[in-house]
Amino acid sequence: MKTLLLTILLLFSSTSFADSDKESEGKELHDESCIRCHTSSMYTRDNKKDSYAALRQQVSFCSQNFRTGWFPEEEKSVVDYLNKHYYKFK
């Protein structure tokens, strides 16, 4: 029983750390590359992106045009960071 409980606790804690790592990666990549052109007001303006798909497309567009060298997983971490902190799409 103790082993099962310990296994469950480890699974939940590793998931939490993985999510935290992805979020910090998204923030770090955003802060390195996106802040050169965007302030946080860009994400809160009236005509901001209206869907998660549109946000993802915009991040990909910027990544390609500004040659960030991001892999798709890195783009997704930036999208997820922006979504969590600014857009809040489901």
C-alpha atoms as a PDB file:
ATOM      1  CA  MET A   1       0.000   0.000   0.000  1.00  0.00           C
ATOM      2  CA  LYS A   2       2.814   2.418   0.863  1.00  0.00           C
ATOM      3  CA  THR A   3       4.487   1.633  -2.457  1.00  0.00           C
ATOM      4  CA  LEU A   4       1.303   2.427  -4.386  1.00  0.00           C
ATOM      5  CA  LEU A   5       0.836   5.690  -2.525  1.00  0.00           C
ATOM      6  CA  LEU A   6       4.449   6.669  -3.071  1.00  0.00           C
ATOM      7  CA  THR A   7       4.201   5.836  -6.783  1.00  0.00           C
ATOM      8  CA  ILE A   8       1.080   7.983  -7.132  1.00  0.00           C
ATOM      9  CA  LEU A   9       2.733  10.886  -5.326  1.00  0.00           C
ATOM     10  CA  LEU A  10       5.796  10.648  -7.546  1.00  0.00           C
ATOM     11  CA  LEU A  11       3.676  10.630 -10.691  1.00  0.00           C
ATOM     12  CA  PHE A  12       1.777  13.729  -9.647  1.00  0.00           C
ATOM     13  CA  SER A  13       4.887  15.583  -8.567  1.00  0.00           C
ATOM     14  CA  SER A  14       6.771  14.784 -11.786  1.00  0.00           C
ATOM     15  CA  THR A  15       3.802  15.978 -13.856  1.00  0.00           C
ATOM     16  CA  SER A  16       3.759  19.198 -11.887  1.00  0.00           C
ATOM     17  CA  PHE A  17       7.491  19.721 -12.409  1.00  0.00           C
ATOM     18  CA  ALA A  18       7.173  18.965 -16.127  1.00  0.00           C
ATOM     19  CA  ASP A  19       4.387  21.542 -16.481  1.00  0.00           C
ATOM     20  CA  SER A  20       6.431  24.029 -14.500  1.00  0.00           C
ATOM     21  CA  ASP A  21       9.480  23.406 -16.707  1.00  0.00           C
ATOM     22  CA  LYS A  22       7.425  23.952 -19.871  1.00  0.00           C
ATOM     23  CA  GLU A  23       5.978  27.164 -18.495  1.00  0.00           C
ATOM     24  CA  SER A  24       9.373  28.506 -17.477  1.00  0.00           C
ATOM     25  CA  GLU A  25      10.750  27.515 -20.907  1.00  0.00           C
ATOM     26  CA  GLY A  26       7.884  29.382 -22.585  1.00  0.00           C
ATOM     27  CA  LYS A  27       8.487  32.472 -20.471  1.00  0.00           C
ATOM     28  CA  GLU A  28      12.231  32.353 -21.068  1.00  0.00           C
ATOM     29  CA  LEU A  29      11.841  32.006 -24.849  1.00  0.00           C
ATOM     30  CA  HIS A  30       9.225  34.756 -24.879  1.00  0.00           C
ATOM     31  CA  ASP A  31      11.415  37.082 -22.834  1.00  0.00           C
ATOM     32  CA  GLU A  32      14.420  36.434 -25.101  1.00  0.00           C
ATOM     33  CA  SER A  33      12.668  36.942 -28.402  1.00  0.00           C
ATOM     34  CA  CYS A  34       9.196  38.446 -28.226  1.00  0.00           C
ATOM     35  CA  ILE A  35       9.836  41.404 -25.938  1.00  0.00           C
ATOM     36  CA  ARG A  36      12.022  42.978 -28.615  1.00  0.00           C
ATOM     37  CA  CYS A  37       8.823  43.821 -30.522  1.00  0.00           C
ATOM     38  CA  HIS A  38       5.978  43.325 -28.039  1.00  0.00           C
ATOM     39  CA  THR A  39       5.082  44.702 -24.652  1.00  0.00           C
ATOM     40  CA  SER A  40       2.378  43.035 -22.571  1.00  0.00           C
ATOM     41  CA  SER A  41      -0.104  45.604 -23.930  1.00  0.00           C
ATOM     42  CA  MET A  42       0.129  43.736 -27.250  1.00  0.00           C
ATOM     43  CA  TYR A  43      -1.584  40.764 -25.623  1.00  0.00           C
ATOM     44  CA  THR A  44      -4.331  42.754 -23.905  1.00  0.00           C
ATOM     45  CA  ARG A  45      -5.377  45.141 -26.693  1.00  0.00           C
ATOM     46  CA  ASP A  46      -8.937  45.166 -28.041  1.00  0.00           C
ATOM     47  CA  ASN A  47      -8.126  43.411 -31.339  1.00  0.00           C
ATOM     48  CA  LYS A  48      -5.971  40.664 -29.858  1.00  0.00           C
ATOM     49  CA  LYS A  49      -6.018  37.064 -31.144  1.00  0.00           C
ATOM     50  CA  ASP A  50      -9.400  35.418 -30.739  1.00  0.00           C
ATOM     51  CA  SER A  51      -8.533  31.717 -30.558  1.00  0.00           C
ATOM     52  CA  TYR A  52      -5.809  29.346 -29.434  1.00  0.00           C
ATOM     53  CA  ALA A  53      -5.263  28.302 -33.072  1.00  0.00           C
ATOM     54  CA  ALA A  54      -4.818  31.930 -34.161  1.00  0.00           C
ATOM     55  CA  LEU A  55      -2.359  32.529 -31.326  1.00  0.00           C
ATOM     56  CA  ARG A  56      -0.393  29.421 -32.257  1.00  0.00           C
ATOM     57  CA  GLN A  57      -0.319  30.500 -35.910  1.00  0.00           C
ATOM     58  CA  GLN A  58       0.959  33.967 -34.953  1.00  0.00           C
ATOM     59  CA  VAL A  59       3.728  32.599 -32.736  1.00  0.00           C
ATOM     60  CA  SER A  60       4.792  30.240 -35.530  1.00  0.00           C
ATOM     61  CA  PHE A  61       4.741  33.112 -38.038  1.00  0.00           C
ATOM     62  CA  CYS A  62       6.914  35.290 -35.810  1.00  0.00           C
ATOM     63  CA  SER A  63       9.260  32.408 -35.050  1.00  0.00           C
ATOM     64  CA  GLN A  64       9.836  31.728 -38.740  1.00  0.00           C
ATOM     65  CA  ASN A  65      10.114  35.354 -39.843  1.00  0.00           C
ATOM     66  CA  PHE A  66      12.474  36.357 -37.064  1.00  0.00           C
ATOM     67  CA  ARG A  67      14.435  33.103 -37.334  1.00  0.00           C
ATOM     68  CA  THR A  68      14.267  32.219 -33.668  1.00  0.00           C
ATOM     69  CA  GLY A  69      15.297  28.645 -34.422  1.00  0.00           C
ATOM     70  CA  TRP A  70      12.552  27.315 -32.160  1.00  0.00           C
ATOM     71  CA  PHE A  71      11.409  23.739 -32.494  1.00  0.00           C
ATOM     72  CA  PRO A  72       7.627  23.108 -32.611  1.00  0.00           C
ATOM     73  CA  GLU A  73       7.651  22.102 -28.920  1.00  0.00           C
ATOM     74  CA  GLU A  74       9.312  25.413 -28.041  1.00  0.00           C
ATOM     75  CA  GLU A  75       6.742  27.359 -30.052  1.00  0.00           C
ATOM     76  CA  LYS A  76       4.022  25.478 -28.186  1.00  0.00           C
ATOM     77  CA  SER A  77       5.585  26.334 -24.829  1.00  0.00           C
ATOM     78  CA  VAL A  78       5.512  30.042 -25.779  1.00  0.00           C
ATOM     79  CA  VAL A  79       1.891  29.740 -26.934  1.00  0.00           C
ATOM     80  CA  ASP A  80       0.957  27.978 -23.697  1.00  0.00           C
ATOM     81  CA  TYR A  81       2.757  30.627 -21.630  1.00  0.00           C
ATOM     82  CA  LEU A  82       0.956  33.455 -23.455  1.00  0.00           C
ATOM     83  CA  ASN A  83      -2.356  31.660 -23.219  1.00  0.00           C
ATOM     84  CA  LYS A  84      -2.046  31.035 -19.497  1.00  0.00           C
ATOM     85  CA  HIS A  85      -0.989  34.578 -18.632  1.00  0.00           C
ATOM     86  CA  TYR A  86      -2.866  36.696 -21.160  1.00  0.00           C
ATOM     87  CA  TYR A  87      -5.374  35.023 -23.466  1.00  0.00           C
ATOM     88  CA  LYS A  88      -6.943  32.246 -21.375  1.00  0.00           C
ATOM     89  CA  PHE A  89      -8.387  30.252 -24.287  1.00  0.00           C
ATOM     90  CA  LYS A  90      -9.797  26.822 -23.418  1.00  0.00           C
END
